[in-house]
Amino acid sequence: ASHLNVFFFARVSWLQAALKALRLSLQIVGAFHDVVAYLLAFAQLGNSPSSFCALNPEPLTPDWGGTGRIGTELQEIQRMIDSLQNPQDPSEVAQLLAAHRDIMFLQFDAAIRYRLR
């Protein structure tokens, strides 16, 4: 009976680890999907997300460079991930991408409000 308990607990432990990995993977993929969607939306608006950032403002222009600039924005996200204390930790990456998604939402909201004025 004790061998059965060890097997059961090992299996439960493995299942919990797999569920945690799945949850973190979905958080990363979901946040990254949203970030890419915002980048595409900014490209359609004609301005980069940093046009609406107080720390690094760019002038509003009629042509942001469209989808060609998306690669540059994605490289910046990679640099942010690389600068994490532990860039191999999926929970840190998920938190960073979720925070970046929230910032991009606010920037996109500001861009839309600016366009509607």
Protein backbone atom coordinates (compact mmCIF):
# COMPACT_ATOMS: atom_id res chain seq x y z
CA ALA A 1 0.00 0.00 0.00
CA SER A 2 2.87 2.41 0.74
CA HIS A 3 4.28 1.87 -2.76
CA LEU A 4 0.91 2.80 -4.17
CA ASN A 5 0.85 6.02 -2.11
CA VAL A 6 4.33 6.99 -3.36
CA PHE A 7 3.24 6.37 -6.96
CA PHE A 8 0.03 8.35 -6.45
CA PHE A 9 1.81 11.36 -4.89
CA ALA A 10 4.52 11.31 -7.57
CA ARG A 11 1.83 11.34 -10.24
CA VAL A 12 -0.10 14.17 -8.54
CA SER A 13 3.13 16.16 -8.20
CA TRP A 14 3.91 15.66 -11.89
CA LEU A 15 0.38 16.69 -12.83
CA GLN A 16 0.58 19.85 -10.70
CA ALA A 17 3.90 20.78 -12.34
CA ALA A 18 2.42 20.17 -15.79
CA LEU A 19 -0.62 22.31 -14.99
CA LYS A 20 1.60 25.13 -13.70
CA ALA A 21 3.71 24.97 -16.87
CA LEU A 22 0.57 25.02 -19.01
CA ARG A 23 -0.86 27.98 -17.10
CA LEU A 24 2.37 29.98 -17.46
CA SER A 25 2.65 29.07 -21.14
CA LEU A 26 -0.89 30.28 -21.77
CA GLN A 27 -0.22 33.51 -19.86
CA ILE A 28 2.88 34.16 -21.98
CA VAL A 29 1.19 33.29 -25.27
CA GLY A 30 -1.94 35.29 -24.40
CA ALA A 31 -0.01 38.41 -23.40
CA PHE A 32 2.30 38.13 -26.42
CA HIS A 33 -0.71 37.73 -28.73
CA ASP A 34 -2.22 40.91 -27.31
CA VAL A 35 1.07 42.81 -27.66
CA VAL A 36 1.35 41.80 -31.33
CA ALA A 37 -2.29 42.79 -31.90
CA TYR A 38 -1.60 46.23 -30.41
CA LEU A 39 1.52 46.59 -32.58
CA LEU A 40 -0.53 45.81 -35.68
CA ALA A 41 -3.19 48.27 -34.58
CA PHE A 42 -0.55 50.97 -34.06
CA ALA A 43 0.82 50.22 -37.53
CA GLN A 44 -2.67 50.75 -38.97
CA LEU A 45 -2.98 54.02 -37.06
CA GLY A 46 0.37 55.12 -38.43
CA ASN A 47 2.16 55.74 -35.12
CA SER A 48 4.39 53.70 -32.87
CA PRO A 49 3.42 52.88 -29.28
CA SER A 50 6.31 55.06 -28.07
CA SER A 51 4.59 58.09 -29.62
CA PHE A 52 2.33 58.00 -26.60
CA CYS A 53 4.97 57.23 -23.96
CA ALA A 54 5.99 60.11 -21.71
CA LEU A 55 9.46 58.63 -21.13
CA ASN A 56 10.37 58.31 -24.81
CA PRO A 57 8.02 60.48 -26.86
CA GLU A 58 8.15 60.48 -30.64
CA PRO A 59 6.34 63.02 -32.75
CA LEU A 60 3.01 61.90 -34.15
CA THR A 61 3.42 61.30 -37.84
CA PRO A 62 1.12 60.15 -40.61
CA ASP A 63 3.48 57.24 -41.40
CA TRP A 64 5.03 55.21 -38.60
CA GLY A 65 6.62 52.81 -41.02
CA GLY A 66 3.79 50.32 -40.81
CA THR A 67 4.53 46.69 -40.29
CA GLY A 68 8.25 47.17 -40.95
CA ARG A 69 8.66 48.77 -37.54
CA ILE A 70 6.98 45.87 -35.76
CA GLY A 71 10.22 43.86 -35.88
CA THR A 72 12.02 46.66 -34.07
CA GLU A 73 9.34 46.74 -31.39
CA LEU A 74 9.57 42.95 -30.96
CA GLN A 75 13.35 43.19 -30.61
CA GLU A 76 12.83 45.76 -27.85
CA ILE A 77 10.53 43.30 -26.05
CA GLN A 78 13.24 40.63 -26.37
CA ARG A 79 15.77 43.05 -24.82
CA MET A 80 13.36 43.67 -21.94
CA ILE A 81 13.03 39.92 -21.39
CA ASP A 82 16.82 39.49 -21.56
CA SER A 83 17.25 42.22 -18.92
CA LEU A 84 15.06 40.41 -16.38
CA GLN A 85 16.84 39.13 -13.29
CA ASN A 86 16.04 35.58 -14.42
CA PRO A 87 14.95 35.62 -18.08
CA GLN A 88 14.56 31.81 -18.04
CA ASP A 89 11.82 32.01 -15.38
CA PRO A 90 8.48 31.76 -17.20
CA SER A 91 6.62 33.49 -14.37
CA GLU A 92 8.89 36.57 -14.70
CA VAL A 93 8.42 36.59 -18.48
CA ALA A 94 4.65 36.23 -18.08
CA GLN A 95 4.56 39.15 -15.61
CA LEU A 96 6.68 41.34 -17.90
CA LEU A 97 4.53 40.61 -20.95
CA ALA A 98 1.31 41.18 -19.00
CA ALA A 99 2.60 44.54 -17.74
CA HIS A 100 3.76 45.48 -21.24
CA ARG A 101 0.35 44.52 -22.63
CA ASP A 102 -1.36 46.75 -20.05
CA ILE A 103 0.93 49.66 -20.94
CA MET A 104 0.26 49.16 -24.64
CA PHE A 105 -3.47 49.13 -23.97
CA LEU A 106 -3.19 52.52 -22.26
CA GLN A 107 -1.02 53.85 -25.09
CA PHE A 108 -3.50 52.58 -27.68
CA ASP A 109 -6.37 54.12 -25.74
CA ALA A 110 -4.49 57.44 -25.76
CA ALA A 111 -3.84 57.12 -29.49
CA ILE A 112 -7.51 56.51 -30.24
CA ARG A 113 -8.58 59.40 -28.02
CA TYR A 114 -6.02 61.64 -29.74
CA ARG A 115 -7.36 60.63 -33.17
CA LEU A 116 -10.93 61.31 -32.10
CA ARG A 117 -10.22 64.86 -30.91
